[in-house]
Amino acid sequence: MALNATIHKVELSVSDMDRHYYETHKLTVAKHPSETDERMMLRVLAFALMAHDQLEMTRGLSTDEEPDIWRKSLSGELELSVLLGLPSEKVIRQTCNKSAQVLICAYGGRAAEICWEKTRSGTTRFDNLRVLSFAEADTAELARHISRSMRIQVNIQDGDLMISFDDATLYVTPAIWQQSDLVAA
């Protein structure tokens, strides 16, 4: 018997002072049965980082052909692909060739660092790739605030994130593993 996804309703308010983007998004996030709370919350945070009116969560773990989040132009070209975790060099190469901009949100602590060290040299030629790493303590704290209905406020300034839930505030500064001229607008 196949397990069904768990549906989460998220009211995500984004105040991004770096990009001058201020909007509230009402998201319906389907959490795949094999997806951890940590990964799902990082998906929401990645959405906030690149928030745009045309940004969409995809089928994610349900398919290998799609990134976790994408933004397409009105004519269907991939403008932005967001990947979570640390995909293989082959997947990074394919995604960078298909999409105008690529953001990878790595997490997983020391294991992710080791994996990135092996992958880094093969990705330096991509000027459309940005890789951010989120500390294990931060992603674990994000996961503690998961619920079926959430109101989250994300303030972004100088690359730092202040994430407010109803009962707590979390400060996150992702490490930049690879920088590009990635712009969400």
Protein backbone atom coordinates (compact mmCIF):
# COMPACT_ATOMS: atom_id res chain seq x y z
CA MET A 1 0.00 0.00 0.00
CA ALA A 2 1.46 3.36 -1.03
CA LEU A 3 1.79 6.03 1.61
CA ASN A 4 0.28 9.43 0.92
CA ALA A 5 2.01 12.75 1.28
CA THR A 6 1.27 14.86 4.36
CA ILE A 7 -0.15 18.25 3.44
CA HIS A 8 1.09 21.35 5.25
CA LYS A 9 -0.47 24.79 4.86
CA VAL A 10 2.09 27.58 5.17
CA GLU A 11 1.52 31.31 5.25
CA LEU A 12 5.00 32.57 4.42
CA SER A 13 5.68 36.29 4.76
CA VAL A 14 8.97 37.34 3.17
CA SER A 15 10.72 40.65 3.81
CA ASP A 16 13.89 40.51 1.75
CA MET A 17 15.78 43.76 2.21
CA ASP A 18 18.59 42.51 -0.08
CA ARG A 19 16.23 42.19 -3.08
CA HIS A 20 13.53 44.66 -1.97
CA TYR A 21 10.91 41.91 -2.09
CA TYR A 22 8.02 42.03 0.38
CA GLU A 23 5.16 39.57 -0.11
CA THR A 24 3.09 36.93 1.65
CA HIS A 25 2.72 33.54 -0.02
CA LYS A 26 0.09 30.96 0.86
CA LEU A 27 1.75 27.61 0.18
CA THR A 28 0.40 24.10 0.17
CA VAL A 29 3.43 21.90 0.81
CA ALA A 30 3.16 18.16 0.24
CA LYS A 31 5.66 16.32 2.43
CA HIS A 32 6.68 13.08 0.72
CA PRO A 33 6.52 10.03 3.05
CA SER A 34 10.31 9.60 2.79
CA GLU A 35 11.04 13.30 3.35
CA THR A 36 12.27 14.40 6.77
CA ASP A 37 10.80 17.34 8.65
CA GLU A 38 14.21 19.01 8.34
CA ARG A 39 14.21 18.77 4.54
CA MET A 40 10.63 19.98 4.20
CA MET A 41 11.29 23.03 6.36
CA LEU A 42 14.46 23.75 4.38
CA ARG A 43 12.31 23.68 1.23
CA VAL A 44 10.11 26.39 2.73
CA LEU A 45 13.19 28.40 3.71
CA ALA A 46 14.67 28.01 0.20
CA PHE A 47 11.36 29.27 -1.20
CA ALA A 48 11.68 32.34 1.02
CA LEU A 49 15.25 32.95 -0.12
CA MET A 50 14.24 33.06 -3.78
CA ALA A 51 10.62 34.21 -3.35
CA HIS A 52 8.97 35.42 -6.53
CA ASP A 53 5.41 35.51 -7.84
CA GLN A 54 6.17 32.71 -10.33
CA LEU A 55 8.21 30.50 -7.98
CA GLU A 56 6.69 27.03 -7.49
CA MET A 57 7.37 23.93 -5.46
CA THR A 58 7.56 20.90 -7.73
CA ARG A 59 6.89 17.23 -7.14
CA GLY A 60 10.41 17.12 -5.62
CA LEU A 61 11.23 13.69 -4.24
CA SER A 62 8.46 12.15 -6.33
CA THR A 63 10.45 12.66 -9.54
CA ASP A 64 14.10 12.79 -10.58
CA GLU A 65 13.41 15.06 -13.55
CA GLU A 66 12.46 18.16 -11.56
CA PRO A 67 14.29 20.32 -9.03
CA ASP A 68 12.66 20.87 -5.65
CA ILE A 69 11.61 24.42 -6.54
CA TRP A 70 11.56 26.20 -9.86
CA ARG A 71 10.62 29.37 -11.63
CA LYS A 72 9.72 29.23 -15.29
CA SER A 73 9.29 32.06 -17.75
CA LEU A 74 5.92 32.61 -19.35
CA SER A 75 7.24 30.75 -22.41
CA GLY A 76 8.29 27.74 -20.29
CA GLU A 77 12.08 28.19 -20.01
CA LEU A 78 13.63 27.38 -16.65
CA GLU A 79 14.78 30.63 -15.10
CA LEU A 80 15.64 29.20 -11.67
CA SER A 81 16.13 25.72 -10.25
CA VAL A 82 16.54 25.10 -6.52
CA LEU A 83 17.97 21.78 -5.34
CA LEU A 84 18.15 20.58 -1.72
CA GLY A 85 20.84 18.41 -0.21
CA LEU A 86 23.95 17.79 -2.23
CA PRO A 87 23.22 16.35 -5.66
CA SER A 88 25.84 14.55 -7.70
CA GLU A 89 28.14 16.44 -10.02
CA LYS A 90 26.21 14.98 -12.96
CA VAL A 91 22.88 16.33 -11.65
CA ILE A 92 24.46 19.73 -10.96
CA ARG A 93 25.91 19.85 -14.48
CA GLN A 94 22.59 18.87 -16.09
CA THR A 95 20.63 21.38 -14.00
CA CYS A 96 23.09 24.22 -14.72
CA ASN A 97 22.79 23.48 -18.44
CA LYS A 98 18.96 23.51 -18.33
CA SER A 99 18.36 26.48 -16.04
CA ALA A 100 19.48 30.11 -16.22
CA GLN A 101 20.16 30.11 -12.47
CA VAL A 102 20.71 27.30 -9.97
CA LEU A 103 20.67 27.43 -6.17
CA ILE A 104 21.72 24.43 -4.09
CA CYS A 105 20.80 24.46 -0.40
CA ALA A 106 23.12 21.90 1.18
CA TYR A 107 22.56 20.48 4.64
CA GLY A 108 23.68 17.46 6.60
CA GLY A 109 26.74 18.66 8.49
CA ARG A 110 30.08 16.96 8.03
CA ALA A 111 28.74 14.44 5.50
CA ALA A 112 27.65 17.29 3.21
CA GLU A 113 31.05 18.99 3.61
CA ILE A 114 32.88 15.82 2.58
CA CYS A 115 30.58 15.32 -0.40
CA TRP A 116 31.02 18.96 -1.47
CA GLU A 117 34.82 18.66 -1.35
CA LYS A 118 34.59 15.84 -3.90
CA THR A 119 32.13 17.75 -6.10
CA ARG A 120 33.47 21.32 -5.87
CA SER A 121 36.18 21.16 -8.55
CA GLY A 122 33.70 20.00 -11.20
CA THR A 123 31.31 22.89 -10.57
CA THR A 124 33.57 25.94 -10.61
CA ARG A 125 32.97 26.54 -14.33
CA PHE A 126 29.28 27.26 -13.77
CA ASP A 127 28.73 30.98 -13.29
CA ASN A 128 25.00 30.41 -12.81
CA LEU A 129 25.46 28.22 -9.71
CA ARG A 130 25.21 29.31 -6.09
CA VAL A 131 25.68 26.84 -3.23
CA LEU A 132 24.63 27.64 0.33
CA SER A 133 25.18 25.36 3.31
CA PHE A 134 22.90 25.31 6.33
CA ALA A 135 24.25 24.18 9.71
CA GLU A 136 22.86 21.01 11.25
CA ALA A 137 21.78 22.85 14.39
CA ASP A 138 19.81 25.36 12.30
CA THR A 139 17.99 22.78 10.19
CA ALA A 140 17.23 20.69 13.29
CA GLU A 141 15.74 23.77 14.98
CA LEU A 142 13.66 24.50 11.86
CA ALA A 143 12.30 20.94 11.99
CA ARG A 144 11.18 21.42 15.60
CA HIS A 145 8.70 24.06 14.44
CA ILE A 146 6.91 21.98 11.82
CA SER A 147 3.14 21.71 12.05
CA ARG A 148 0.28 21.07 9.64
CA SER A 149 -0.60 24.77 9.62
CA MET A 150 2.19 27.33 9.96
CA ARG A 151 2.67 31.07 9.85
CA ILE A 152 6.29 31.93 9.18
CA GLN A 153 7.89 35.36 8.78
CA VAL A 154 11.34 35.42 7.11
CA ASN A 155 13.38 38.61 7.16
CA ILE A 156 16.50 38.63 4.98
CA GLN A 157 19.22 41.24 5.22
CA ASP A 158 22.87 41.01 4.15
CA GLY A 159 22.41 37.27 3.59
CA ASP A 160 21.29 36.69 7.20
CA LEU A 161 17.87 35.23 7.90
CA MET A 162 15.58 35.88 10.83
CA ILE A 163 12.83 33.27 10.86
CA SER A 164 9.88 33.94 13.15
CA PHE A 165 7.29 31.38 14.14
CA ASP A 166 4.34 32.01 16.45
CA ASP A 167 6.38 31.05 19.52
CA ALA A 168 10.05 31.44 18.54
CA THR A 169 12.61 33.28 16.44
CA LEU A 170 15.58 31.62 14.76
CA TYR A 171 18.61 33.37 13.28
CA VAL A 172 20.35 31.61 10.39
CA THR A 173 23.40 32.60 8.37
CA PRO A 174 24.06 30.08 5.62
CA ALA A 175 27.67 29.49 4.59
CA ILE A 176 28.40 30.37 0.98
CA TRP A 177 30.21 27.44 -0.65
CA GLN A 178 29.98 28.81 -4.17
CA GLN A 179 28.89 32.27 -5.22
CA SER A 180 27.35 33.49 -8.44
CA ASP A 181 25.46 36.52 -9.60
CA LEU A 182 22.22 34.71 -8.75
CA VAL A 183 19.32 37.12 -8.62
CA ALA A 184 15.77 36.02 -7.94
CA ALA A 185 14.01 38.83 -9.76
